[in-house]
Amino acid sequence: MNLKLRNIDQYPWILGKLLFILTIFLFVIVVSCSDDDEYPQYNPPVDHTISKEGVMHKPGLADPLSNCTTCHGADLTGGTSQVSCYECHGVEW
């Protein structure tokens, strides 16, 4: 079997398309691997003054069932704030 390799210079448009596809692929990889979405982004009330890994909490966060249920609900799944503690903390409590 005798395969002839064609000269790539005969098809310059192929290089352009390959470069374009590679650029788009790398852009998608870089954007999808961003850590910006690690935690949901909220605008907490001003009394949430303690930062834990960039997420603001109200003083008393060590005892959430006593200090957070007024806004986040008795089961901490959202309540009137509509922000569940489990979005970041999982089943920590």
C-alpha atoms as a PDB file:
ATOM      1  CA  MET A   1       0.000   0.000   0.000  1.00  0.00           C
ATOM      2  CA  ASN A   2       1.523   3.249  -1.126  1.00  0.00           C
ATOM      3  CA  LEU A   3       0.024   6.295   0.586  1.00  0.00           C
ATOM      4  CA  LYS A   4       1.085   9.703  -0.627  1.00  0.00           C
ATOM      5  CA  LEU A   5       1.087  12.496   1.885  1.00  0.00           C
ATOM      6  CA  ARG A   6      -0.236  15.664   0.360  1.00  0.00           C
ATOM      7  CA  ASN A   7       1.562  18.908   0.861  1.00  0.00           C
ATOM      8  CA  ILE A   8      -0.291  20.941   3.484  1.00  0.00           C
ATOM      9  CA  ASP A   9       0.687  24.106   1.616  1.00  0.00           C
ATOM     10  CA  GLN A  10      -1.852  23.142  -1.022  1.00  0.00           C
ATOM     11  CA  TYR A  11      -4.634  23.515   1.544  1.00  0.00           C
ATOM     12  CA  PRO A  12      -3.936  26.645   3.659  1.00  0.00           C
ATOM     13  CA  TRP A  13      -7.603  26.898   4.634  1.00  0.00           C
ATOM     14  CA  ILE A  14      -7.255  23.639   6.591  1.00  0.00           C
ATOM     15  CA  LEU A  15      -4.706  25.219   8.925  1.00  0.00           C
ATOM     16  CA  GLY A  16      -6.998  28.199   9.478  1.00  0.00           C
ATOM     17  CA  LYS A  17      -9.959  25.981  10.345  1.00  0.00           C
ATOM     18  CA  LEU A  18      -7.877  23.778  12.633  1.00  0.00           C
ATOM     19  CA  LEU A  19      -6.476  26.822  14.419  1.00  0.00           C
ATOM     20  CA  PHE A  20      -9.981  28.272  14.836  1.00  0.00           C
ATOM     21  CA  ILE A  21     -11.362  24.992  16.220  1.00  0.00           C
ATOM     22  CA  LEU A  22      -8.412  24.606  18.587  1.00  0.00           C
ATOM     23  CA  THR A  23      -8.838  28.183  19.840  1.00  0.00           C
ATOM     24  CA  ILE A  24     -12.559  27.675  20.535  1.00  0.00           C
ATOM     25  CA  PHE A  25     -11.855  24.347  22.264  1.00  0.00           C
ATOM     26  CA  LEU A  26      -9.208  25.883  24.545  1.00  0.00           C
ATOM     27  CA  PHE A  27     -11.481  28.834  25.368  1.00  0.00           C
ATOM     28  CA  VAL A  28     -14.297  26.470  26.399  1.00  0.00           C
ATOM     29  CA  ILE A  29     -11.918  24.454  28.583  1.00  0.00           C
ATOM     30  CA  VAL A  30     -10.552  27.543  30.343  1.00  0.00           C
ATOM     31  CA  VAL A  31     -13.995  29.065  30.970  1.00  0.00           C
ATOM     32  CA  SER A  32     -15.559  25.810  32.184  1.00  0.00           C
ATOM     33  CA  CYS A  33     -12.747  25.189  34.674  1.00  0.00           C
ATOM     34  CA  SER A  34     -13.157  28.507  36.457  1.00  0.00           C
ATOM     35  CA  ASP A  35     -13.511  28.408  40.269  1.00  0.00           C
ATOM     36  CA  ASP A  36     -15.841  31.421  40.301  1.00  0.00           C
ATOM     37  CA  ASP A  37     -18.888  29.193  40.612  1.00  0.00           C
ATOM     38  CA  GLU A  38     -17.699  27.263  43.637  1.00  0.00           C
ATOM     39  CA  TYR A  39     -20.274  28.964  45.864  1.00  0.00           C
ATOM     40  CA  PRO A  40     -23.572  30.576  44.907  1.00  0.00           C
ATOM     41  CA  GLN A  41     -23.377  34.364  44.750  1.00  0.00           C
ATOM     42  CA  TYR A  42     -25.818  36.166  47.054  1.00  0.00           C
ATOM     43  CA  ASN A  43     -26.226  39.644  48.430  1.00  0.00           C
ATOM     44  CA  PRO A  44     -26.494  38.924  52.179  1.00  0.00           C
ATOM     45  CA  PRO A  45     -27.918  41.384  54.729  1.00  0.00           C
ATOM     46  CA  VAL A  46     -25.527  43.835  56.388  1.00  0.00           C
ATOM     47  CA  ASP A  47     -25.603  41.866  59.667  1.00  0.00           C
ATOM     48  CA  HIS A  48     -23.773  38.992  57.935  1.00  0.00           C
ATOM     49  CA  THR A  49     -20.310  40.225  58.922  1.00  0.00           C
ATOM     50  CA  ILE A  50     -18.276  37.009  59.191  1.00  0.00           C
ATOM     51  CA  SER A  51     -16.585  35.745  56.052  1.00  0.00           C
ATOM     52  CA  LYS A  52     -16.035  31.997  55.683  1.00  0.00           C
ATOM     53  CA  GLU A  53     -14.140  31.296  52.461  1.00  0.00           C
ATOM     54  CA  GLY A  54     -15.622  34.463  50.959  1.00  0.00           C
ATOM     55  CA  VAL A  55     -19.229  33.643  51.928  1.00  0.00           C
ATOM     56  CA  MET A  56     -20.756  36.023  54.467  1.00  0.00           C
ATOM     57  CA  HIS A  57     -22.430  34.639  57.601  1.00  0.00           C
ATOM     58  CA  LYS A  58     -24.199  36.175  60.581  1.00  0.00           C
ATOM     59  CA  PRO A  59     -22.536  35.983  64.026  1.00  0.00           C
ATOM     60  CA  GLY A  60     -23.642  32.800  65.765  1.00  0.00           C
ATOM     61  CA  LEU A  61     -23.037  30.601  62.749  1.00  0.00           C
ATOM     62  CA  ALA A  62     -21.589  27.865  64.969  1.00  0.00           C
ATOM     63  CA  ASP A  63     -25.140  27.147  66.153  1.00  0.00           C
ATOM     64  CA  PRO A  64     -27.271  27.554  63.018  1.00  0.00           C
ATOM     65  CA  LEU A  65     -30.360  25.869  64.448  1.00  0.00           C
ATOM     66  CA  SER A  66     -30.540  28.633  67.058  1.00  0.00           C
ATOM     67  CA  ASN A  67     -29.239  31.590  65.064  1.00  0.00           C
ATOM     68  CA  CYS A  68     -30.091  31.099  61.388  1.00  0.00           C
ATOM     69  CA  THR A  69     -33.583  29.599  61.325  1.00  0.00           C
ATOM     70  CA  THR A  70     -35.434  32.937  61.454  1.00  0.00           C
ATOM     71  CA  CYS A  71     -34.415  33.683  57.861  1.00  0.00           C
ATOM     72  CA  HIS A  72     -33.245  30.320  56.496  1.00  0.00           C
ATOM     73  CA  GLY A  73     -36.153  28.274  57.886  1.00  0.00           C
ATOM     74  CA  ALA A  74     -36.436  25.716  60.685  1.00  0.00           C
ATOM     75  CA  ASP A  75     -34.752  23.113  58.500  1.00  0.00           C
ATOM     76  CA  LEU A  76     -32.254  25.610  56.976  1.00  0.00           C
ATOM     77  CA  THR A  77     -33.504  24.874  53.452  1.00  0.00           C
ATOM     78  CA  GLY A  78     -34.308  28.476  52.543  1.00  0.00           C
ATOM     79  CA  GLY A  79     -37.103  29.989  54.614  1.00  0.00           C
ATOM     80  CA  THR A  80     -37.936  33.619  53.909  1.00  0.00           C
ATOM     81  CA  SER A  81     -34.422  34.285  52.580  1.00  0.00           C
ATOM     82  CA  GLN A  82     -34.904  31.596  49.934  1.00  0.00           C
ATOM     83  CA  VAL A  83     -31.235  30.696  50.442  1.00  0.00           C
ATOM     84  CA  SER A  84     -30.589  27.165  51.630  1.00  0.00           C
ATOM     85  CA  CYS A  85     -27.623  26.626  53.935  1.00  0.00           C
ATOM     86  CA  TYR A  86     -27.207  23.214  52.327  1.00  0.00           C
ATOM     87  CA  GLU A  87     -26.141  24.770  49.018  1.00  0.00           C
ATOM     88  CA  CYS A  88     -22.692  25.311  50.495  1.00  0.00           C
ATOM     89  CA  HIS A  89     -22.658  23.227  53.646  1.00  0.00           C
ATOM     90  CA  GLY A  90     -24.234  20.003  52.393  1.00  0.00           C
ATOM     91  CA  VAL A  91     -25.533  17.878  55.254  1.00  0.00           C
ATOM     92  CA  GLU A  92     -23.020  19.310  57.706  1.00  0.00           C
ATOM     93  CA  TRP A  93     -25.583  19.669  60.508  1.00  0.00           C
END
